Amino acid sequence: MVFVPEEFHLSDVLEKSEYDMHENSINDPGYKKFLSPVVDAVISRVSENSLGLDFGCGPGPALASMLHEKQYDVNLYDKFYRPDKSVFTQKYEFVTATEVLEHLKYPGKELEFLWNIIREGGWLFVMTQRVISRDRFERWGYKNDPTHICFFSDETINFLGEKLGALKVEYEGNSIVCFQKLK
């Protein structure tokens, strides 16, 4: 795992101003295509009408909208755009965190918190670009986003799966990881 030292983290004001520049609209076909592998991962593992949480949904919760179209109920949370912490009082069949892990200041603590609100047998779906090698990291544009402060490798993901006690850790393509909680 590569972690940016705290003195280089943006303030919440600057971090939000970066996010406000993103154009992640529910109506953007390109953004929906980008998110569709996460939708496919959920559909292939979780029954319709299940309750999920889109953690880090952003200002336009496109993923939740796409899952709703597929007959899933999805609650929303985002530190800046949907800060209603009452969503954490429930248990979920699944939690999604798309392009969120790289923004977490305390990833171990925050992932454990999410894990604890997932029902037994449920799933945590994460989407993040992963570190492949030191050489490629040095040339990697993904690291240049000032809001990206931690970067995971496959080894780190597998370690997290063990630490959380995941029944399964499954990789979907280059950016999606699915963790299943023990039944």
C-alpha atoms as a PDB file:
ATOM      1  CA  MET A   1       0.000   0.000   0.000  1.00  0.00           C
ATOM      2  CA  VAL A   2       1.170   3.490  -0.784  1.00  0.00           C
ATOM      3  CA  PHE A   3      -0.069   6.189   1.580  1.00  0.00           C
ATOM      4  CA  VAL A   4       0.386   9.946   1.210  1.00  0.00           C
ATOM      5  CA  PRO A   5       1.664  11.513   4.470  1.00  0.00           C
ATOM      6  CA  GLU A   6      -0.966  13.496   6.366  1.00  0.00           C
ATOM      7  CA  GLU A   7       0.770  16.847   5.871  1.00  0.00           C
ATOM      8  CA  PHE A   8      -0.046  16.533   2.157  1.00  0.00           C
ATOM      9  CA  HIS A   9      -3.762  15.785   2.649  1.00  0.00           C
ATOM     10  CA  LEU A  10      -6.146  18.487   1.485  1.00  0.00           C
ATOM     11  CA  SER A  11      -8.418  20.290   3.915  1.00  0.00           C
ATOM     12  CA  ASP A  12     -12.090  19.320   3.678  1.00  0.00           C
ATOM     13  CA  VAL A  13     -12.818  22.619   1.887  1.00  0.00           C
ATOM     14  CA  LEU A  14     -10.171  22.010  -0.784  1.00  0.00           C
ATOM     15  CA  GLU A  15     -11.101  18.339  -1.078  1.00  0.00           C
ATOM     16  CA  LYS A  16     -14.763  19.179  -1.709  1.00  0.00           C
ATOM     17  CA  SER A  17     -13.827  21.863  -4.245  1.00  0.00           C
ATOM     18  CA  GLU A  18     -11.957  19.144  -6.210  1.00  0.00           C
ATOM     19  CA  TYR A  19     -15.015  16.863  -6.105  1.00  0.00           C
ATOM     20  CA  ASP A  20     -17.277  19.714  -7.196  1.00  0.00           C
ATOM     21  CA  MET A  21     -15.333  19.800 -10.474  1.00  0.00           C
ATOM     22  CA  HIS A  22     -16.161  16.147 -11.263  1.00  0.00           C
ATOM     23  CA  GLU A  23     -18.931  15.585 -13.779  1.00  0.00           C
ATOM     24  CA  ASN A  24     -20.460  12.331 -12.568  1.00  0.00           C
ATOM     25  CA  SER A  25     -24.024  12.765 -13.771  1.00  0.00           C
ATOM     26  CA  ILE A  26     -26.779  10.156 -13.626  1.00  0.00           C
ATOM     27  CA  ASN A  27     -27.550  11.096 -17.238  1.00  0.00           C
ATOM     28  CA  ASP A  28     -23.988  10.713 -18.575  1.00  0.00           C
ATOM     29  CA  PRO A  29     -23.804   7.498 -20.680  1.00  0.00           C
ATOM     30  CA  GLY A  30     -20.002   7.399 -20.311  1.00  0.00           C
ATOM     31  CA  TYR A  31     -20.200   7.537 -16.534  1.00  0.00           C
ATOM     32  CA  LYS A  32     -22.909   4.870 -16.496  1.00  0.00           C
ATOM     33  CA  LYS A  33     -20.684   2.654 -18.667  1.00  0.00           C
ATOM     34  CA  PHE A  34     -17.822   3.246 -16.218  1.00  0.00           C
ATOM     35  CA  LEU A  35     -20.040   2.112 -13.305  1.00  0.00           C
ATOM     36  CA  SER A  36     -21.734  -0.797 -15.088  1.00  0.00           C
ATOM     37  CA  PRO A  37     -19.123  -3.409 -14.018  1.00  0.00           C
ATOM     38  CA  VAL A  38     -20.003  -2.666 -10.383  1.00  0.00           C
ATOM     39  CA  VAL A  39     -23.694  -3.089 -11.178  1.00  0.00           C
ATOM     40  CA  ASP A  40     -22.888  -6.399 -12.895  1.00  0.00           C
ATOM     41  CA  ALA A  41     -20.854  -7.549  -9.871  1.00  0.00           C
ATOM     42  CA  VAL A  42     -23.777  -6.785  -7.536  1.00  0.00           C
ATOM     43  CA  ILE A  43     -26.361  -8.448  -9.791  1.00  0.00           C
ATOM     44  CA  SER A  44     -24.293 -11.625 -10.073  1.00  0.00           C
ATOM     45  CA  ARG A  45     -23.948 -11.992  -6.278  1.00  0.00           C
ATOM     46  CA  VAL A  46     -26.909 -10.328  -4.551  1.00  0.00           C
ATOM     47  CA  SER A  47     -30.631 -11.046  -4.904  1.00  0.00           C
ATOM     48  CA  GLU A  48     -33.017  -8.395  -6.229  1.00  0.00           C
ATOM     49  CA  ASN A  49     -34.879  -6.295  -3.656  1.00  0.00           C
ATOM     50  CA  SER A  50     -31.873  -6.461  -1.325  1.00  0.00           C
ATOM     51  CA  LEU A  51     -30.891  -3.401   0.670  1.00  0.00           C
ATOM     52  CA  GLY A  52     -27.533  -1.815  -0.058  1.00  0.00           C
ATOM     53  CA  LEU A  53     -25.561   1.275   0.821  1.00  0.00           C
ATOM     54  CA  ASP A  54     -23.704   3.397  -1.735  1.00  0.00           C
ATOM     55  CA  PHE A  55     -20.868   4.725   0.432  1.00  0.00           C
ATOM     56  CA  GLY A  56     -19.314   7.819  -1.152  1.00  0.00           C
ATOM     57  CA  CYS A  57     -22.159   8.285  -3.614  1.00  0.00           C
ATOM     58  CA  GLY A  58     -21.145  11.813  -4.629  1.00  0.00           C
ATOM     59  CA  PRO A  59     -23.520  14.607  -5.642  1.00  0.00           C
ATOM     60  CA  GLY A  60     -25.310  12.608  -8.343  1.00  0.00           C
ATOM     61  CA  PRO A  61     -25.803   9.050  -7.090  1.00  0.00           C
ATOM     62  CA  ALA A  62     -25.621   7.356 -10.492  1.00  0.00           C
ATOM     63  CA  LEU A  63     -24.701   3.911  -9.165  1.00  0.00           C
ATOM     64  CA  ALA A  64     -27.657   3.871  -6.772  1.00  0.00           C
ATOM     65  CA  SER A  65     -29.935   4.949  -9.619  1.00  0.00           C
ATOM     66  CA  MET A  66     -28.627   2.155 -11.854  1.00  0.00           C
ATOM     67  CA  LEU A  67     -29.103  -0.422  -9.086  1.00  0.00           C
ATOM     68  CA  HIS A  68     -32.597   0.897  -8.353  1.00  0.00           C
ATOM     69  CA  GLU A  69     -33.466   0.258 -12.016  1.00  0.00           C
ATOM     70  CA  LYS A  70     -32.407  -3.369 -11.405  1.00  0.00           C
ATOM     71  CA  GLN A  71     -34.747  -3.681  -8.392  1.00  0.00           C
ATOM     72  CA  TYR A  72     -32.328  -2.989  -5.541  1.00  0.00           C
ATOM     73  CA  ASP A  73     -32.984  -0.634  -2.641  1.00  0.00           C
ATOM     74  CA  VAL A  74     -29.970   1.577  -2.006  1.00  0.00           C
ATOM     75  CA  ASN A  75     -29.340   4.068   0.769  1.00  0.00           C
ATOM     76  CA  LEU A  76     -26.858   6.875   0.215  1.00  0.00           C
ATOM     77  CA  TYR A  77     -23.954   8.289   2.155  1.00  0.00           C
ATOM     78  CA  ASP A  78     -21.313  10.803   1.177  1.00  0.00           C
ATOM     79  CA  LYS A  79     -19.146  12.844   3.520  1.00  0.00           C
ATOM     80  CA  PHE A  80     -19.898  16.053   1.610  1.00  0.00           C
ATOM     81  CA  TYR A  81     -23.099  15.535  -0.392  1.00  0.00           C
ATOM     82  CA  ARG A  82     -25.214  13.150   1.718  1.00  0.00           C
ATOM     83  CA  PRO A  83     -23.786  13.295   5.253  1.00  0.00           C
ATOM     84  CA  ASP A  84     -26.752  11.593   6.947  1.00  0.00           C
ATOM     85  CA  LYS A  85     -25.096   9.142   9.350  1.00  0.00           C
ATOM     86  CA  SER A  86     -28.424   7.552  10.276  1.00  0.00           C
ATOM     87  CA  VAL A  87     -27.839   5.167   7.340  1.00  0.00           C
ATOM     88  CA  PHE A  88     -25.213   3.477   9.519  1.00  0.00           C
ATOM     89  CA  THR A  89     -27.813   2.251  12.008  1.00  0.00           C
ATOM     90  CA  GLN A  90     -28.946  -0.489   9.592  1.00  0.00           C
ATOM     91  CA  LYS A  91     -27.446  -3.733   8.332  1.00  0.00           C
ATOM     92  CA  TYR A  92     -27.033  -4.205   4.580  1.00  0.00           C
ATOM     93  CA  GLU A  93     -26.883  -7.106   2.157  1.00  0.00           C
ATOM     94  CA  PHE A  94     -24.247  -5.124   0.280  1.00  0.00           C
ATOM     95  CA  VAL A  95     -22.179  -1.964   0.430  1.00  0.00           C
ATOM     96  CA  THR A  96     -20.563  -0.314  -2.578  1.00  0.00           C
ATOM     97  CA  ALA A  97     -17.588   2.019  -2.455  1.00  0.00           C
ATOM     98  CA  THR A  98     -16.742   3.092  -5.989  1.00  0.00           C
ATOM     99  CA  GLU A  99     -13.644   5.226  -6.372  1.00  0.00           C
ATOM    100  CA  VAL A 100     -13.674   5.828  -2.598  1.00  0.00           C
ATOM    101  CA  LEU A 101     -10.829   3.803  -1.082  1.00  0.00           C
ATOM    102  CA  GLU A 102      -8.137   6.055  -2.502  1.00  0.00           C
ATOM    103  CA  HIS A 103      -9.663   8.988  -0.576  1.00  0.00           C
ATOM    104  CA  LEU A 104      -9.784   7.379   2.885  1.00  0.00           C
ATOM    105  CA  LYS A 105      -7.610   8.887   5.607  1.00  0.00           C
ATOM    106  CA  TYR A 106      -7.980   5.814   7.836  1.00  0.00           C
ATOM    107  CA  PRO A 107      -8.701   3.005   5.360  1.00  0.00           C
ATOM    108  CA  GLY A 108      -8.378   0.097   7.786  1.00  0.00           C
ATOM    109  CA  LYS A 109     -10.659   1.690  10.355  1.00  0.00           C
ATOM    110  CA  GLU A 110     -13.192   2.886   7.758  1.00  0.00           C
ATOM    111  CA  LEU A 111     -13.352  -0.452   5.924  1.00  0.00           C
ATOM    112  CA  GLU A 112     -13.815  -2.301   9.216  1.00  0.00           C
ATOM    113  CA  PHE A 113     -16.669   0.085  10.050  1.00  0.00           C
ATOM    114  CA  LEU A 114     -18.350  -0.679   6.699  1.00  0.00           C
ATOM    115  CA  TRP A 115     -17.752  -4.394   7.180  1.00  0.00           C
ATOM    116  CA  ASN A 116     -19.630  -4.266  10.478  1.00  0.00           C
ATOM    117  CA  ILE A 117     -22.808  -2.936   8.852  1.00  0.00           C
ATOM    118  CA  ILE A 118     -22.913  -5.771   6.296  1.00  0.00           C
ATOM    119  CA  ARG A 119     -25.114  -8.753   7.136  1.00  0.00           C
ATOM    120  CA  GLU A 120     -23.589 -12.215   7.350  1.00  0.00           C
ATOM    121  CA  GLY A 121     -23.244 -13.577   3.822  1.00  0.00           C
ATOM    122  CA  GLY A 122     -23.370 -10.023   2.426  1.00  0.00           C
ATOM    123  CA  TRP A 123     -20.889  -8.295   0.164  1.00  0.00           C
ATOM    124  CA  LEU A 124     -18.588  -5.287   0.070  1.00  0.00           C
ATOM    125  CA  PHE A 125     -17.932  -4.100  -3.501  1.00  0.00           C
ATOM    126  CA  VAL A 126     -15.048  -1.709  -4.027  1.00  0.00           C
ATOM    127  CA  MET A 127     -13.804  -0.061  -7.186  1.00  0.00           C
ATOM    128  CA  THR A 128     -10.328   1.423  -7.145  1.00  0.00           C
ATOM    129  CA  GLN A 129      -7.289   1.362  -9.384  1.00  0.00           C
ATOM    130  CA  ARG A 130      -4.576  -0.811  -7.856  1.00  0.00           C
ATOM    131  CA  VAL A 131      -0.809  -0.385  -7.620  1.00  0.00           C
ATOM    132  CA  ILE A 132       0.952  -2.875  -9.883  1.00  0.00           C
ATOM    133  CA  SER A 133       4.621  -2.016  -9.429  1.00  0.00           C
ATOM    134  CA  ARG A 134       6.868   0.738  -8.149  1.00  0.00           C
ATOM    135  CA  ASP A 135       7.993   1.603 -11.692  1.00  0.00           C
ATOM    136  CA  ARG A 136       4.443   1.901 -13.007  1.00  0.00           C
ATOM    137  CA  PHE A 137       3.384   3.866  -9.915  1.00  0.00           C
ATOM    138  CA  GLU A 138       5.954   6.551 -10.670  1.00  0.00           C
ATOM    139  CA  ARG A 139       4.403   7.086 -14.123  1.00  0.00           C
ATOM    140  CA  TRP A 140       0.776   6.589 -13.041  1.00  0.00           C
ATOM    141  CA  GLY A 141      -1.550   9.538 -13.635  1.00  0.00           C
ATOM    142  CA  TYR A 142      -4.045   8.234 -11.049  1.00  0.00           C
ATOM    143  CA  LYS A 143      -1.670   9.209  -8.233  1.00  0.00           C
ATOM    144  CA  ASN A 144      -1.659  12.844  -9.373  1.00  0.00           C
ATOM    145  CA  ASP A 145      -5.196  13.565  -8.159  1.00  0.00           C
ATOM    146  CA  PRO A 146      -4.588  15.554  -4.937  1.00  0.00           C
ATOM    147  CA  THR A 147      -7.581  13.878  -3.267  1.00  0.00           C
ATOM    148  CA  HIS A 148      -6.060  10.399  -3.777  1.00  0.00           C
ATOM    149  CA  ILE A 149      -4.124   9.633  -0.607  1.00  0.00           C
ATOM    150  CA  CYS A 150      -3.894   5.838  -0.457  1.00  0.00           C
ATOM    151  CA  PHE A 151      -3.307   3.235  -3.108  1.00  0.00           C
ATOM    152  CA  PHE A 152      -3.858  -0.481  -2.713  1.00  0.00           C
ATOM    153  CA  SER A 153      -2.045  -3.398  -4.279  1.00  0.00           C
ATOM    154  CA  ASP A 154      -3.478  -6.894  -4.687  1.00  0.00           C
ATOM    155  CA  GLU A 155      -1.388  -7.937  -1.692  1.00  0.00           C
ATOM    156  CA  THR A 156      -2.982  -5.205   0.412  1.00  0.00           C
ATOM    157  CA  ILE A 157      -6.463  -6.184  -0.764  1.00  0.00           C
ATOM    158  CA  ASN A 158      -5.810  -9.828   0.133  1.00  0.00           C
ATOM    159  CA  PHE A 159      -4.455  -8.764   3.539  1.00  0.00           C
ATOM    160  CA  LEU A 160      -7.610  -6.712   4.148  1.00  0.00           C
ATOM    161  CA  GLY A 161      -9.756  -9.694   3.197  1.00  0.00           C
ATOM    162  CA  GLU A 162      -7.944 -11.823   5.768  1.00  0.00           C
ATOM    163  CA  LYS A 163      -8.091  -9.097   8.425  1.00  0.00           C
ATOM    164  CA  LEU A 164     -11.830  -8.635   7.888  1.00  0.00           C
ATOM    165  CA  GLY A 165     -12.402 -12.387   7.901  1.00  0.00           C
ATOM    166  CA  ALA A 166     -13.863 -12.424   4.400  1.00  0.00           C
ATOM    167  CA  LEU A 167     -15.181 -15.755   3.160  1.00  0.00           C
ATOM    168  CA  LYS A 168     -14.223 -14.743  -0.388  1.00  0.00           C
ATOM    169  CA  VAL A 169     -12.167 -12.043  -2.087  1.00  0.00           C
ATOM    170  CA  GLU A 170     -12.985 -11.966  -5.800  1.00  0.00           C
ATOM    171  CA  TYR A 171     -11.460  -9.720  -8.445  1.00  0.00           C
ATOM    172  CA  GLU A 172     -13.510  -8.413 -11.375  1.00  0.00           C
ATOM    173  CA  GLY A 173     -11.285  -6.911 -14.050  1.00  0.00           C
ATOM    174  CA  ASN A 174      -8.643  -4.351 -13.151  1.00  0.00           C
ATOM    175  CA  SER A 175     -10.513  -2.280 -10.615  1.00  0.00           C
ATOM    176  CA  ILE A 176     -13.318  -4.147  -8.832  1.00  0.00           C
ATOM    177  CA  VAL A 177     -12.922  -6.297  -5.726  1.00  0.00           C
ATOM    178  CA  CYS A 178     -15.788  -8.179  -4.081  1.00  0.00           C
ATOM    179  CA  PHE A 179     -15.476  -9.248  -0.431  1.00  0.00           C
ATOM    180  CA  GLN A 180     -18.043 -11.688   0.971  1.00  0.00           C
ATOM    181  CA  LYS A 181     -18.728 -11.767   4.686  1.00  0.00           C
ATOM    182  CA  LEU A 182     -18.851 -15.170   6.400  1.00  0.00           C
ATOM    183  CA  LYS A 183     -22.306 -16.628   6.897  1.00  0.00           C
END
